[in-house]
C-alpha cells in the first residue's frame, strides 16, 4: 500500500483549473518531490492531500485513509510545514513547541519527551529560550520543522520549506530531511529549487496544473537519450539565440543566465556547427562545449515539449515552440 496516493485529483477555482487529473503514488519512506514553477499547482496539491482544501474531483489517500471521508484521522497521521512561516514571533522557541504540542494533544511527560526529541532532530539545542523573532531565517525554518514533527507523524508535507533561506541553511535543512527519511518518514516536498530536487528519490514535474513527467532523476534525464546538450557563451546572446532558433540542426535553444543551452542530435557535429555559425556572424569570442544535461535542462525541455503539443498547428512553419525559456524556475 502506498503511503500517499492521489487518483485523478483535480481542483478548479471558477474557470481556472489549478490541478488537473493528478494521479501519483508515494511509497513509504520515500522523499518525493513536486517540482514546478510558481502557479504550477504544487501547493494546491499539498493542501488537498492534507485535508485543508476540498478537491473538485478525484481522491486523495494517506496510509489508505480517504481524506474526504476522514480528514481528522489524516491530520493525526501527518505533519505539515506551510510555505510561509506561521509560528508565533513573540514566543520563545520552547513556548512555540509547547503550544503546538498542546494542539497535537500532547501533555506532561510525553510532551517533554517529544519536545526534547524534536529539538534534537532540528538541531535547536541551546536555542530553546530565544525569542522566535530573533532567530535567523534558517533557524526559523528548523523551528517550524520541529513543530511539524512533534507528534512523530509517519507522513510529512513540506511546502516550499526553504524559500528565502540562504544556501548554507538550505543545505543544513535538507540534511535534517534526509535524516528523517532514513528513519522511515515519508516526505513529500514542493520546491522550485532544482538543486533541491536532486535529494528526492522520485520527482513529479508539474506545469499549469498537470503532471507532465515523473520518475527518478536518472529516468527523467532519459529524455535526452540519443541527443546531446551543448553550452554556448558569446558576446551577443540574444542575437545568437535568434540564429540558433532558426537553424535546422538545433532541436531546442534556451537561455540559461549568461549562456545558451542547445539540444542537438550529436555533440561533436553540433559543437562544430554552432561555433562555425557564431564565427561566421562575427559573434566572437565564443565558447561552445558539450555538457551533461542537468535537471534544469530536463525541466525546460519537458515544459517546451508540453507547450509545443498545446500550440502545434497554431504556429508559423519557421517557428519553434517555447524556445525562449529563461534559466531557473521562478
Protein backbone atom coordinates (compact mmCIF):
# COMPACT_ATOMS: atom_id res chain seq x y z
CA UNK A 1 0.00 0.00 0.00
CA UNK A 2 1.29 3.45 -0.94
CA UNK A 3 1.83 5.91 1.92
CA UNK A 4 0.18 8.66 -0.13
CA UNK A 5 -1.91 8.27 -3.25
CA UNK A 6 -3.97 10.53 -5.47
CA UNK A 7 -6.36 9.32 -8.15
CA UNK A 8 -7.47 11.80 -10.80
CA UNK A 9 -7.23 14.62 -8.26
CA UNK A 10 -8.45 17.97 -9.59
CA UNK A 11 -9.18 21.45 -8.30
CA UNK A 12 -10.86 24.32 -10.11
CA UNK A 13 -11.41 27.90 -8.99
CA UNK A 14 -14.18 29.04 -11.28
CA UNK A 15 -12.97 28.52 -14.84
CA UNK A 16 -9.34 28.19 -13.71
CA UNK A 17 -8.01 24.65 -13.30
CA UNK A 18 -5.32 24.76 -10.62
CA UNK A 19 -4.81 20.97 -10.60
CA UNK A 20 -5.90 18.78 -13.47
CA UNK A 21 -6.29 14.99 -13.16
CA UNK A 22 -3.28 14.23 -10.94
CA UNK A 23 -2.52 10.56 -10.24
CA UNK A 24 0.57 9.71 -8.15
CA UNK A 25 1.59 7.07 -5.60
CA UNK A 26 4.29 7.76 -2.98
CA UNK A 27 5.92 4.79 -1.25
CA UNK A 28 6.57 4.53 2.48
CA UNK A 29 9.87 6.15 3.50
CA UNK A 30 10.27 7.91 0.16
CA UNK A 31 11.33 11.53 -0.33
CA UNK A 32 9.05 12.61 -3.16
CA UNK A 33 9.35 15.99 -4.85
CA UNK A 34 6.68 18.07 -6.53
CA UNK A 35 8.66 20.33 -8.83
CA UNK A 36 7.31 23.23 -10.85
CA UNK A 37 7.29 26.97 -11.32
CA UNK A 38 5.04 29.26 -9.29
CA UNK A 39 1.42 28.61 -10.22
CA UNK A 40 2.06 25.02 -11.31
CA UNK A 41 -0.37 23.70 -8.67
CA UNK A 42 2.09 22.20 -6.18
CA UNK A 43 0.79 23.90 -3.04
CA UNK A 44 -2.80 23.22 -4.05
CA UNK A 45 -2.00 19.51 -4.28
CA UNK A 46 -0.45 19.53 -0.79
CA UNK A 47 -3.42 21.36 0.72
CA UNK A 48 -5.88 18.88 -0.80
CA UNK A 49 -3.95 15.84 0.45
CA UNK A 50 -3.72 17.39 3.94
CA UNK A 51 -7.48 17.92 4.04
CA UNK A 52 -7.21 21.71 4.07
CA UNK A 53 -8.83 22.20 0.66
CA UNK A 54 -11.69 20.23 -0.83
CA UNK A 55 -10.93 18.82 -4.31
CA UNK A 56 -13.24 19.44 -7.25
CA UNK A 57 -12.79 15.84 -8.29
CA UNK A 58 -10.79 12.69 -7.65
CA UNK A 59 -9.50 11.07 -4.48
CA UNK A 60 -6.59 11.50 -2.05
CA UNK A 61 -5.49 8.76 0.36
CA UNK A 62 -2.97 8.87 3.23
CA UNK A 63 -1.96 5.42 4.51
CA UNK A 64 -5.17 4.10 2.97
CA UNK A 65 -7.40 6.67 4.68
CA UNK A 66 -9.63 8.68 2.33
CA UNK A 67 -9.00 12.36 3.04
CA UNK A 68 -12.55 13.37 2.10
CA UNK A 69 -14.17 10.74 4.34
CA UNK A 70 -11.97 11.09 7.43
CA UNK A 71 -9.91 14.30 7.31
CA UNK A 72 -9.33 14.37 11.08
CA UNK A 73 -7.73 10.90 11.05
CA UNK A 74 -5.50 12.02 8.19
CA UNK A 75 -4.43 15.12 10.13
CA UNK A 76 -3.41 12.92 13.07
CA UNK A 77 -1.11 10.93 10.80
CA UNK A 78 0.64 13.79 9.04
CA UNK A 79 2.92 16.73 9.71
CA UNK A 80 2.58 19.87 7.60
CA UNK A 81 5.03 22.73 7.25
CA UNK A 82 3.50 25.65 5.41
CA UNK A 83 5.09 27.78 2.73
CA UNK A 84 5.04 30.88 4.93
CA UNK A 85 6.50 30.98 8.43
CA UNK A 86 3.41 30.62 10.63
CA UNK A 87 4.73 30.31 14.19
CA UNK A 88 4.42 32.95 16.90
CA UNK A 89 7.22 35.52 16.72
CA UNK A 90 6.52 36.84 20.24
CA UNK A 91 7.03 33.42 21.87
CA UNK A 92 10.30 31.67 22.63
CA UNK A 93 11.35 28.51 20.83
CA UNK A 94 10.28 26.45 23.85
CA UNK A 95 6.90 28.19 24.10
CA UNK A 96 6.15 27.60 20.43
CA UNK A 97 6.99 23.92 20.79
CA UNK A 98 4.81 23.52 23.87
CA UNK A 99 1.93 25.39 22.28
CA UNK A 100 1.93 23.21 19.17
CA UNK A 101 2.46 20.12 21.30
CA UNK A 102 -0.77 21.03 23.08
CA UNK A 103 -2.52 21.42 19.73
CA UNK A 104 -1.50 17.83 18.95
CA UNK A 105 -2.89 16.71 22.32
CA UNK A 106 0.49 16.07 23.94
CA UNK A 107 0.70 16.58 27.70
CA UNK A 108 3.05 16.14 30.66
CA UNK A 109 5.96 13.73 30.37
CA UNK A 110 5.06 12.77 26.80
CA UNK A 111 5.20 16.42 25.71
CA UNK A 112 8.54 16.86 27.49
CA UNK A 113 9.96 13.81 25.71
CA UNK A 114 8.62 14.83 22.31
CA UNK A 115 9.89 18.37 22.74
CA UNK A 116 13.40 17.14 23.58
CA UNK A 117 13.28 14.78 20.60
CA UNK A 118 12.07 17.49 18.18
CA UNK A 119 14.73 19.93 19.42
CA UNK A 120 17.38 17.28 18.82
CA UNK A 121 16.01 16.38 15.38
CA UNK A 122 16.01 20.02 14.27
CA UNK A 123 19.39 20.86 15.83
CA UNK A 124 17.91 23.52 18.12
CA UNK A 125 19.78 22.54 21.29
CA UNK A 126 20.65 25.65 23.29
CA UNK A 127 18.15 27.82 21.39
CA UNK A 128 15.05 26.95 23.45
CA UNK A 129 14.85 30.25 25.38
CA UNK A 130 15.49 32.56 22.43
CA UNK A 131 12.64 34.71 21.15
CA UNK A 132 11.44 33.39 17.82
CA UNK A 133 11.60 36.82 16.18
CA UNK A 134 15.35 36.95 16.93
CA UNK A 135 16.13 33.77 15.00
CA UNK A 136 17.75 33.93 11.54
CA UNK A 137 15.65 32.59 8.66
CA UNK A 138 17.33 29.19 8.64
CA UNK A 139 16.72 28.66 12.36
CA UNK A 140 13.08 29.70 11.99
CA UNK A 141 12.67 27.00 9.35
CA UNK A 142 14.20 24.47 11.74
CA UNK A 143 11.74 25.51 14.43
CA UNK A 144 8.83 25.19 12.01
CA UNK A 145 10.04 21.69 11.14
CA UNK A 146 10.35 20.77 14.83
CA UNK A 147 6.75 21.90 15.46
CA UNK A 148 5.54 19.91 12.44
CA UNK A 149 7.06 16.64 13.70
CA UNK A 150 6.36 16.92 17.46
CA UNK A 151 3.69 14.20 17.25
CA UNK A 152 6.07 11.98 15.22
CA UNK A 153 3.97 11.74 12.05
CA UNK A 154 4.54 8.94 9.56
CA UNK A 155 3.99 11.30 6.63
CA UNK A 156 5.47 14.81 6.43
CA UNK A 157 4.44 17.51 3.92
CA UNK A 158 6.86 20.38 3.32
CA UNK A 159 5.56 23.21 1.14
CA UNK A 160 8.47 25.27 -0.24
CA UNK A 161 10.34 24.74 3.05
CA UNK A 162 13.48 26.70 2.18
CA UNK A 163 12.03 29.73 0.42
CA UNK A 164 14.03 32.85 1.30
CA UNK A 165 16.70 30.87 3.17
CA UNK A 166 20.41 31.22 2.41
CA UNK A 167 22.21 28.33 0.62
CA UNK A 168 24.07 27.11 3.73
CA UNK A 169 20.85 26.98 5.77
CA UNK A 170 19.12 25.22 2.89
CA UNK A 171 21.81 22.54 2.87
CA UNK A 172 21.53 22.07 6.64
CA UNK A 173 17.75 21.83 6.39
CA UNK A 174 17.99 19.13 3.72
CA UNK A 175 20.37 17.17 5.94
CA UNK A 176 17.55 17.09 8.51
CA UNK A 177 15.06 15.91 5.88
CA UNK A 178 17.40 13.16 4.70
CA UNK A 179 17.86 12.01 8.30
CA UNK A 180 14.09 11.74 8.83
CA UNK A 181 13.68 9.79 5.61
CA UNK A 182 16.34 7.33 6.78
CA UNK A 183 14.20 6.79 9.89
CA UNK A 184 11.22 5.78 7.73
CA UNK A 185 9.24 9.02 7.48
CA UNK A 186 7.53 9.53 4.12
CA UNK A 187 8.25 13.07 2.94
CA UNK A 188 6.52 14.99 0.17
CA UNK A 189 8.17 18.31 -0.60
CA UNK A 190 7.29 21.06 -3.05
CA UNK A 191 10.10 23.17 -4.44
CA UNK A 192 11.15 25.28 -7.38
CA UNK A 193 14.85 24.90 -6.49
CA UNK A 194 16.13 22.38 -8.98
CA UNK A 195 19.24 21.54 -6.94
CA UNK A 196 16.99 20.58 -4.01
CA UNK A 197 15.04 18.18 -6.19
CA UNK A 198 18.21 16.10 -6.52
CA UNK A 199 17.63 14.99 -2.89
CA UNK A 200 14.35 13.34 -3.86
CA UNK A 201 14.10 9.66 -4.69
CA UNK A 202 11.47 10.49 -7.29
CA UNK A 203 10.18 13.73 -8.77
CA UNK A 204 6.88 14.74 -10.32
CA UNK A 205 7.22 17.64 -12.75
CA UNK A 206 4.12 19.86 -12.81
CA UNK A 207 3.21 22.58 -15.26
CA UNK A 208 -0.05 24.53 -15.48
CA UNK A 209 -1.72 22.17 -13.04
CA UNK A 210 -0.82 19.00 -14.89
CA UNK A 211 1.66 16.20 -14.27
CA UNK A 212 3.99 16.26 -17.27
CA UNK A 213 6.65 13.77 -16.17
CA UNK A 214 7.55 11.59 -13.17
CA UNK A 215 10.46 9.36 -12.18
CA UNK A 216 13.94 9.33 -10.67
CA UNK A 217 16.43 11.98 -11.77
CA UNK A 218 18.21 9.44 -13.98
CA UNK A 219 14.91 8.33 -15.51
CA UNK A 220 13.88 11.91 -16.24
CA UNK A 221 17.21 12.58 -17.95
CA UNK A 222 16.43 9.80 -20.41
CA UNK A 223 14.50 12.41 -22.44
CA UNK A 224 17.93 13.29 -23.86
CA UNK A 225 18.74 9.73 -24.93
CA UNK A 226 20.11 9.90 -28.47
CA UNK A 227 20.62 13.65 -28.18
CA UNK A 228 23.22 15.98 -26.70
CA UNK A 229 23.27 19.32 -24.90
CA UNK A 230 25.92 21.93 -25.68
CA UNK A 231 26.55 25.18 -23.84
CA UNK A 232 27.31 28.41 -25.69
CA UNK A 233 28.95 31.60 -24.39
CA UNK A 234 29.25 34.63 -26.68
CA UNK A 235 29.06 38.46 -26.55
CA UNK A 236 25.64 38.94 -28.23
CA UNK A 237 23.48 36.31 -26.58
CA UNK A 238 20.05 37.19 -27.96
CA UNK A 239 21.38 37.52 -31.48
CA UNK A 240 22.85 34.02 -31.13
CA UNK A 241 19.56 32.72 -29.74
CA UNK A 242 17.69 34.02 -32.80
CA UNK A 243 20.31 32.43 -35.03
CA UNK A 244 20.12 29.00 -33.39
CA UNK A 245 16.32 29.02 -33.20
CA UNK A 246 16.23 29.10 -36.99
CA UNK A 247 18.94 26.52 -37.63
CA UNK A 248 17.77 23.07 -38.70
CA UNK A 249 20.46 21.25 -36.70
CA UNK A 250 19.33 22.78 -33.39
CA UNK A 251 16.36 20.99 -31.85
CA UNK A 252 15.95 23.47 -28.95
CA UNK A 253 17.64 26.69 -27.84
CA UNK A 254 17.16 28.04 -24.31
CA UNK A 255 18.56 30.91 -22.26
CA UNK A 256 20.49 29.82 -19.17
CA UNK A 257 21.53 33.05 -17.48
CA UNK A 258 24.51 34.40 -19.45
CA UNK A 259 24.71 31.30 -21.65
CA UNK A 260 22.67 29.30 -24.12
CA UNK A 261 21.91 25.60 -23.97
CA UNK A 262 21.31 23.89 -27.30
CA UNK A 263 19.80 20.44 -27.77
CA UNK A 264 21.36 18.83 -30.84
CA UNK A 265 21.32 15.35 -32.42
CA UNK A 266 25.09 14.85 -31.97
CA UNK A 267 27.55 16.54 -29.60
CA UNK A 268 30.56 16.68 -31.92
CA UNK A 269 28.71 17.84 -35.01
CA UNK A 270 26.57 20.26 -33.01
CA UNK A 271 29.59 21.81 -31.33
CA UNK A 272 31.42 22.29 -34.62
CA UNK A 273 28.46 23.78 -36.48
CA UNK A 274 27.47 26.08 -33.63
CA UNK A 275 30.99 27.50 -33.47
CA UNK A 276 31.05 27.96 -37.26
CA UNK A 277 27.74 29.86 -37.15
CA UNK A 278 28.98 32.19 -34.43
CA UNK A 279 32.28 32.87 -36.20
CA UNK A 280 30.50 33.49 -39.50
CA UNK A 281 28.20 36.05 -37.85
CA UNK A 282 31.10 37.74 -36.06
CA UNK A 283 29.72 36.86 -32.62
CA UNK A 284 33.14 36.17 -31.08
CA UNK A 285 34.96 35.34 -28.89
CA UNK A 286 32.72 32.34 -28.41
CA UNK A 287 32.95 29.14 -26.41
CA UNK A 288 30.95 26.04 -27.31
CA UNK A 289 31.24 22.80 -25.35
CA UNK A 290 29.17 19.67 -24.66
CA UNK A 291 27.76 19.35 -21.14
CA UNK A 292 25.99 16.69 -19.10
CA UNK A 293 22.26 17.58 -19.08
CA UNK A 294 21.09 18.87 -15.71
CA UNK A 295 17.69 18.52 -14.10
CA UNK A 296 17.12 22.11 -15.16
CA UNK A 297 17.66 21.09 -18.78
CA UNK A 298 15.13 18.29 -18.26
CA UNK A 299 12.61 20.68 -16.73
CA UNK A 300 12.87 23.25 -19.52
CA UNK A 301 12.84 20.58 -22.24
CA UNK A 302 9.76 18.93 -20.76
CA UNK A 303 7.89 22.22 -20.49
CA UNK A 304 8.82 23.13 -24.06
CA UNK A 305 7.56 19.78 -25.27
CA UNK A 306 4.31 20.22 -23.34
CA UNK A 307 3.78 23.74 -24.66
CA UNK A 308 4.60 22.65 -28.20
CA UNK A 309 1.97 19.91 -28.06
CA UNK A 310 -0.62 22.50 -26.99
CA UNK A 311 0.23 25.11 -29.60
CA UNK A 312 1.09 22.84 -32.52
CA UNK A 313 -0.82 23.88 -35.60
CA UNK A 314 -1.14 27.49 -34.42
CA UNK A 315 2.45 28.47 -35.22
CA UNK A 316 4.14 29.59 -38.39
CA UNK A 317 6.21 26.88 -40.09
CA UNK A 318 9.51 28.62 -39.25
CA UNK A 319 8.77 28.95 -35.52
CA UNK A 320 9.92 26.58 -32.78
CA UNK A 321 7.66 26.16 -29.78
CA UNK A 322 8.77 27.58 -26.45
CA UNK A 323 12.38 28.26 -27.36
CA UNK A 324 12.67 31.46 -25.31
CA UNK A 325 12.84 29.93 -21.87
CA UNK A 326 14.87 31.79 -19.25
CA UNK A 327 17.05 29.80 -16.90
CA UNK A 328 15.75 28.99 -13.45
CA UNK A 329 12.27 28.29 -12.15
CA UNK A 330 10.80 31.45 -10.57
